[in-house]
Amino acid sequence: MTNLDRIQILRQFTEEEPENPFNWYALAIEYRETDQNQAQDLFAKLLAEHPTYLATYFPAAHLYAEIGDIEESKVIFEKGISLAREEKNTKALQELQNAYQNFLFENDLD
């Protein structure tokens, strides 16, 4: 199955269940490989419409950093860390904190 096949299937899922954040998340992940602008739009939609969908924060922050939007990436990391703390999700919290520290170091930020 190709990336385009998966995108087509996931698009169908988003039409059938538009309220399910996982479908939008999976679609954004697939688009990261072929169309970063589309992936960015989908991550922005997820962050706005499903702000408690914790899985979004890690890949969204990385994508924003990759495309050079360092400030937005920083904001996304910080919101994800805060949400992981609120949800007491230790694994996600550790992953986000580690990635955030690397991000700060790589971008000479405090």
N, C-alpha and C. Protein backbone atom coordinates (compact mmCIF):
# COMPACT_ATOMS: atom_id res chain seq x y z
N MET A 1 0.85 -1.18 0.00
CA MET A 1 0.00 0.00 0.00
C MET A 1 0.89 1.24 0.00
N THR A 2 0.62 2.14 -0.90
CA THR A 2 1.42 3.35 -1.01
C THR A 2 0.90 4.43 -0.07
N ASN A 3 1.71 5.45 0.07
CA ASN A 3 1.32 6.61 0.88
C ASN A 3 0.03 7.22 0.35
N LEU A 4 -0.09 7.32 -0.97
CA LEU A 4 -1.30 7.90 -1.56
C LEU A 4 -2.52 7.03 -1.30
N ASP A 5 -2.34 5.72 -1.30
CA ASP A 5 -3.46 4.82 -0.97
C ASP A 5 -3.92 5.05 0.47
N ARG A 6 -2.95 5.15 1.38
CA ARG A 6 -3.29 5.38 2.78
C ARG A 6 -3.98 6.73 2.96
N ILE A 7 -3.50 7.74 2.25
CA ILE A 7 -4.12 9.06 2.33
C ILE A 7 -5.57 9.00 1.85
N GLN A 8 -5.79 8.30 0.76
CA GLN A 8 -7.16 8.18 0.23
C GLN A 8 -8.08 7.48 1.24
N ILE A 9 -7.59 6.41 1.84
CA ILE A 9 -8.38 5.68 2.83
C ILE A 9 -8.66 6.57 4.05
N LEU A 10 -7.63 7.26 4.52
CA LEU A 10 -7.79 8.12 5.69
C LEU A 10 -8.72 9.30 5.40
N ARG A 11 -8.67 9.83 4.20
CA ARG A 11 -9.61 10.89 3.82
C ARG A 11 -11.05 10.38 3.93
N GLN A 12 -11.25 9.15 3.48
CA GLN A 12 -12.59 8.56 3.57
C GLN A 12 -13.01 8.43 5.04
N PHE A 13 -12.07 8.00 5.89
CA PHE A 13 -12.37 7.88 7.32
C PHE A 13 -12.75 9.24 7.92
N THR A 14 -12.04 10.31 7.51
CA THR A 14 -12.37 11.63 8.06
C THR A 14 -13.74 12.10 7.60
N GLU A 15 -14.16 11.67 6.42
CA GLU A 15 -15.50 12.01 5.95
C GLU A 15 -16.57 11.23 6.71
N GLU A 16 -16.27 9.96 7.01
CA GLU A 16 -17.23 9.11 7.71
C GLU A 16 -17.32 9.45 9.19
N GLU A 17 -16.20 9.82 9.79
CA GLU A 17 -16.15 10.14 11.22
C GLU A 17 -15.36 11.43 11.44
N PRO A 18 -15.90 12.57 11.04
CA PRO A 18 -15.13 13.82 11.15
C PRO A 18 -14.84 14.24 12.59
N GLU A 19 -15.58 13.70 13.54
CA GLU A 19 -15.36 14.08 14.95
C GLU A 19 -14.27 13.25 15.62
N ASN A 20 -13.76 12.24 14.93
CA ASN A 20 -12.74 11.36 15.51
C ASN A 20 -11.35 11.95 15.26
N PRO A 21 -10.68 12.44 16.31
CA PRO A 21 -9.39 13.08 16.10
C PRO A 21 -8.31 12.13 15.57
N PHE A 22 -8.43 10.83 15.87
CA PHE A 22 -7.42 9.90 15.38
C PHE A 22 -7.35 9.90 13.86
N ASN A 23 -8.49 9.99 13.20
CA ASN A 23 -8.50 9.98 11.73
C ASN A 23 -7.73 11.18 11.18
N TRP A 24 -7.94 12.34 11.76
CA TRP A 24 -7.22 13.55 11.32
C TRP A 24 -5.74 13.45 11.65
N TYR A 25 -5.43 12.90 12.82
CA TYR A 25 -4.04 12.70 13.24
C TYR A 25 -3.31 11.78 12.26
N ALA A 26 -3.91 10.64 11.95
CA ALA A 26 -3.29 9.68 11.03
C ALA A 26 -3.09 10.30 9.65
N LEU A 27 -4.05 11.09 9.21
CA LEU A 27 -3.93 11.76 7.92
C LEU A 27 -2.78 12.78 7.93
N ALA A 28 -2.67 13.54 9.00
CA ALA A 28 -1.57 14.51 9.12
C ALA A 28 -0.22 13.80 9.10
N ILE A 29 -0.12 12.68 9.78
CA ILE A 29 1.13 11.91 9.81
C ILE A 29 1.49 11.45 8.40
N GLU A 30 0.52 10.96 7.66
CA GLU A 30 0.78 10.52 6.28
C GLU A 30 1.23 11.68 5.40
N TYR A 31 0.62 12.83 5.57
CA TYR A 31 0.98 13.99 4.75
C TYR A 31 2.36 14.54 5.08
N ARG A 32 2.88 14.27 6.26
CA ARG A 32 4.21 14.78 6.62
C ARG A 32 5.25 14.38 5.59
N GLU A 33 5.09 13.20 5.00
CA GLU A 33 6.07 12.69 4.04
C GLU A 33 5.97 13.35 2.67
N THR A 34 4.76 13.76 2.28
CA THR A 34 4.56 14.21 0.90
C THR A 34 4.15 15.67 0.76
N ASP A 35 3.54 16.24 1.78
CA ASP A 35 3.00 17.60 1.68
C ASP A 35 2.97 18.24 3.07
N GLN A 36 4.08 18.88 3.42
CA GLN A 36 4.18 19.46 4.77
C GLN A 36 3.17 20.57 5.01
N ASN A 37 2.80 21.30 3.97
CA ASN A 37 1.79 22.35 4.15
C ASN A 37 0.44 21.75 4.53
N GLN A 38 0.08 20.66 3.86
CA GLN A 38 -1.19 19.99 4.19
C GLN A 38 -1.12 19.41 5.61
N ALA A 39 0.02 18.82 5.95
CA ALA A 39 0.19 18.28 7.30
C ALA A 39 0.06 19.39 8.33
N GLN A 40 0.67 20.53 8.06
CA GLN A 40 0.58 21.67 8.98
C GLN A 40 -0.87 22.11 9.16
N ASP A 41 -1.62 22.18 8.07
CA ASP A 41 -3.03 22.57 8.16
C ASP A 41 -3.82 21.57 9.01
N LEU A 42 -3.53 20.29 8.83
CA LEU A 42 -4.25 19.26 9.59
C LEU A 42 -3.87 19.30 11.07
N PHE A 43 -2.59 19.50 11.36
CA PHE A 43 -2.19 19.62 12.76
C PHE A 43 -2.82 20.86 13.39
N ALA A 44 -2.88 21.96 12.66
CA ALA A 44 -3.52 23.17 13.18
C ALA A 44 -4.99 22.91 13.49
N LYS A 45 -5.65 22.19 12.61
CA LYS A 45 -7.06 21.82 12.82
C LYS A 45 -7.21 20.98 14.08
N LEU A 46 -6.34 19.99 14.23
CA LEU A 46 -6.38 19.14 15.42
C LEU A 46 -6.16 19.94 16.70
N LEU A 47 -5.16 20.80 16.69
CA LEU A 47 -4.85 21.58 17.88
C LEU A 47 -5.98 22.53 18.24
N ALA A 48 -6.68 23.04 17.24
CA ALA A 48 -7.79 23.96 17.49
C ALA A 48 -9.07 23.23 17.90
N GLU A 49 -9.37 22.14 17.22
CA GLU A 49 -10.64 21.45 17.44
C GLU A 49 -10.58 20.32 18.47
N HIS A 50 -9.39 19.80 18.69
CA HIS A 50 -9.22 18.69 19.64
C HIS A 50 -7.97 18.94 20.50
N PRO A 51 -7.98 20.03 21.28
CA PRO A 51 -6.78 20.40 22.03
C PRO A 51 -6.37 19.39 23.10
N THR A 52 -7.24 18.47 23.44
CA THR A 52 -6.87 17.46 24.45
C THR A 52 -6.40 16.15 23.82
N TYR A 53 -6.25 16.12 22.50
CA TYR A 53 -5.74 14.91 21.84
C TYR A 53 -4.21 14.97 21.91
N LEU A 54 -3.68 14.39 22.96
CA LEU A 54 -2.27 14.52 23.32
C LEU A 54 -1.30 14.05 22.24
N ALA A 55 -1.66 13.02 21.50
CA ALA A 55 -0.76 12.47 20.49
C ALA A 55 -0.35 13.50 19.43
N THR A 56 -1.15 14.52 19.25
CA THR A 56 -0.89 15.54 18.23
C THR A 56 0.37 16.35 18.52
N TYR A 57 0.65 16.61 19.77
CA TYR A 57 1.64 17.62 20.13
C TYR A 57 3.06 17.28 19.69
N PHE A 58 3.49 16.06 19.86
CA PHE A 58 4.87 15.69 19.52
C PHE A 58 5.15 15.87 18.02
N PRO A 59 4.37 15.22 17.14
CA PRO A 59 4.68 15.38 15.71
C PRO A 59 4.39 16.79 15.20
N ALA A 60 3.39 17.46 15.76
CA ALA A 60 3.08 18.82 15.31
C ALA A 60 4.23 19.76 15.65
N ALA A 61 4.75 19.67 16.86
CA ALA A 61 5.87 20.53 17.26
C ALA A 61 7.08 20.28 16.37
N HIS A 62 7.35 19.03 16.07
CA HIS A 62 8.48 18.70 15.20
C HIS A 62 8.28 19.25 13.79
N LEU A 63 7.07 19.12 13.27
CA LEU A 63 6.81 19.63 11.92
C LEU A 63 7.00 21.14 11.87
N TYR A 64 6.46 21.85 12.83
CA TYR A 64 6.62 23.31 12.84
C TYR A 64 8.09 23.69 12.93
N ALA A 65 8.88 22.95 13.69
CA ALA A 65 10.31 23.22 13.76
C ALA A 65 10.97 22.96 12.40
N GLU A 66 10.60 21.86 11.76
CA GLU A 66 11.17 21.51 10.46
C GLU A 66 10.90 22.58 9.41
N ILE A 67 9.73 23.18 9.45
CA ILE A 67 9.41 24.19 8.44
C ILE A 67 9.87 25.59 8.85
N GLY A 68 10.51 25.68 10.01
CA GLY A 68 11.12 26.94 10.42
C GLY A 68 10.27 27.84 11.30
N ASP A 69 9.11 27.36 11.73
CA ASP A 69 8.27 28.16 12.62
C ASP A 69 8.62 27.79 14.07
N ILE A 70 9.77 28.29 14.49
CA ILE A 70 10.34 27.92 15.78
C ILE A 70 9.45 28.37 16.93
N GLU A 71 8.92 29.57 16.85
CA GLU A 71 8.09 30.08 17.94
C GLU A 71 6.83 29.24 18.13
N GLU A 72 6.17 28.89 17.03
CA GLU A 72 4.96 28.07 17.14
C GLU A 72 5.31 26.67 17.65
N SER A 73 6.43 26.15 17.22
CA SER A 73 6.88 24.84 17.70
C SER A 73 7.06 24.87 19.21
N LYS A 74 7.67 25.93 19.71
CA LYS A 74 7.90 26.08 21.15
C LYS A 74 6.57 26.12 21.90
N VAL A 75 5.61 26.86 21.38
CA VAL A 75 4.29 26.95 22.00
C VAL A 75 3.62 25.58 22.03
N ILE A 76 3.71 24.84 20.93
CA ILE A 76 3.07 23.52 20.86
C ILE A 76 3.72 22.57 21.85
N PHE A 77 5.05 22.56 21.92
CA PHE A 77 5.72 21.72 22.91
C PHE A 77 5.23 22.05 24.32
N GLU A 78 5.18 23.33 24.65
CA GLU A 78 4.80 23.74 26.00
C GLU A 78 3.36 23.36 26.33
N LYS A 79 2.46 23.51 25.37
CA LYS A 79 1.06 23.11 25.60
C LYS A 79 0.96 21.60 25.76
N GLY A 80 1.72 20.86 24.96
CA GLY A 80 1.71 19.40 25.06
C GLY A 80 2.23 18.92 26.41
N ILE A 81 3.30 19.54 26.88
CA ILE A 81 3.86 19.20 28.18
C ILE A 81 2.85 19.49 29.29
N SER A 82 2.20 20.62 29.20
CA SER A 82 1.18 20.98 30.19
C SER A 82 0.03 19.98 30.18
N LEU A 83 -0.43 19.60 29.00
CA LEU A 83 -1.53 18.64 28.89
C LEU A 83 -1.11 17.27 29.42
N ALA A 84 0.09 16.83 29.11
CA ALA A 84 0.56 15.54 29.60
C ALA A 84 0.62 15.54 31.13
N ARG A 85 1.03 16.66 31.72
CA ARG A 85 1.04 16.78 33.18
C ARG A 85 -0.37 16.68 33.74
N GLU A 86 -1.29 17.43 33.13
CA GLU A 86 -2.69 17.42 33.58
C GLU A 86 -3.27 16.01 33.51
N GLU A 87 -2.95 15.29 32.45
CA GLU A 87 -3.48 13.94 32.26
C GLU A 87 -2.69 12.88 33.02
N LYS A 88 -1.61 13.32 33.67
CA LYS A 88 -0.73 12.40 34.41
C LYS A 88 -0.24 11.26 33.51
N ASN A 89 0.09 11.63 32.27
CA ASN A 89 0.60 10.68 31.29
C ASN A 89 2.12 10.77 31.32
N THR A 90 2.73 9.95 32.17
CA THR A 90 4.16 10.02 32.43
C THR A 90 4.99 9.77 31.18
N LYS A 91 4.62 8.77 30.41
CA LYS A 91 5.39 8.44 29.21
C LYS A 91 5.38 9.59 28.21
N ALA A 92 4.20 10.13 27.92
CA ALA A 92 4.10 11.25 26.98
C ALA A 92 4.83 12.47 27.54
N LEU A 93 4.72 12.69 28.83
CA LEU A 93 5.40 13.82 29.46
C LEU A 93 6.91 13.71 29.28
N GLN A 94 7.46 12.53 29.55
CA GLN A 94 8.91 12.34 29.39
C GLN A 94 9.35 12.53 27.94
N GLU A 95 8.58 11.97 27.01
CA GLU A 95 8.93 12.11 25.59
C GLU A 95 8.88 13.56 25.15
N LEU A 96 7.84 14.27 25.55
CA LEU A 96 7.72 15.67 25.17
C LEU A 96 8.81 16.52 25.83
N GLN A 97 9.08 16.29 27.10
CA GLN A 97 10.12 17.06 27.79
C GLN A 97 11.49 16.82 27.17
N ASN A 98 11.81 15.58 26.86
CA ASN A 98 13.10 15.27 26.23
C ASN A 98 13.21 15.93 24.86
N ALA A 99 12.17 15.80 24.07
CA ALA A 99 12.18 16.41 22.74
C ALA A 99 12.26 17.93 22.84
N TYR A 100 11.57 18.50 23.82
CA TYR A 100 11.59 19.95 24.01
C TYR A 100 12.98 20.43 24.40
N GLN A 101 13.64 19.71 25.29
CA GLN A 101 15.00 20.08 25.68
C GLN A 101 15.95 20.03 24.48
N ASN A 102 15.83 18.99 23.66
CA ASN A 102 16.64 18.90 22.44
C ASN A 102 16.33 20.05 21.49
N PHE A 103 15.05 20.35 21.35
CA PHE A 103 14.61 21.46 20.50
C PHE A 103 15.22 22.78 20.98
N LEU A 104 15.15 23.04 22.29
CA LEU A 104 15.71 24.27 22.84
C LEU A 104 17.21 24.35 22.57
N PHE A 105 17.91 23.25 22.78
CA PHE A 105 19.36 23.20 22.57
C PHE A 105 19.69 23.44 21.10
N GLU A 106 19.01 22.74 20.21
CA GLU A 106 19.28 22.85 18.77
C GLU A 106 19.00 24.24 18.22
N ASN A 107 18.10 24.96 18.87
CA ASN A 107 17.72 26.28 18.38
C ASN A 107 18.24 27.42 19.25
N ASP A 108 19.17 27.10 20.16
CA ASP A 108 19.76 28.11 21.05
C ASP A 108 18.72 28.95 21.77
N LEU A 109 17.74 28.26 22.34
CA LEU A 109 16.68 28.93 23.09
C LEU A 109 16.80 28.60 24.56
N ASP A 110 16.17 29.42 25.39
CA ASP A 110 16.17 29.15 26.84
C ASP A 110 14.93 28.43 27.24
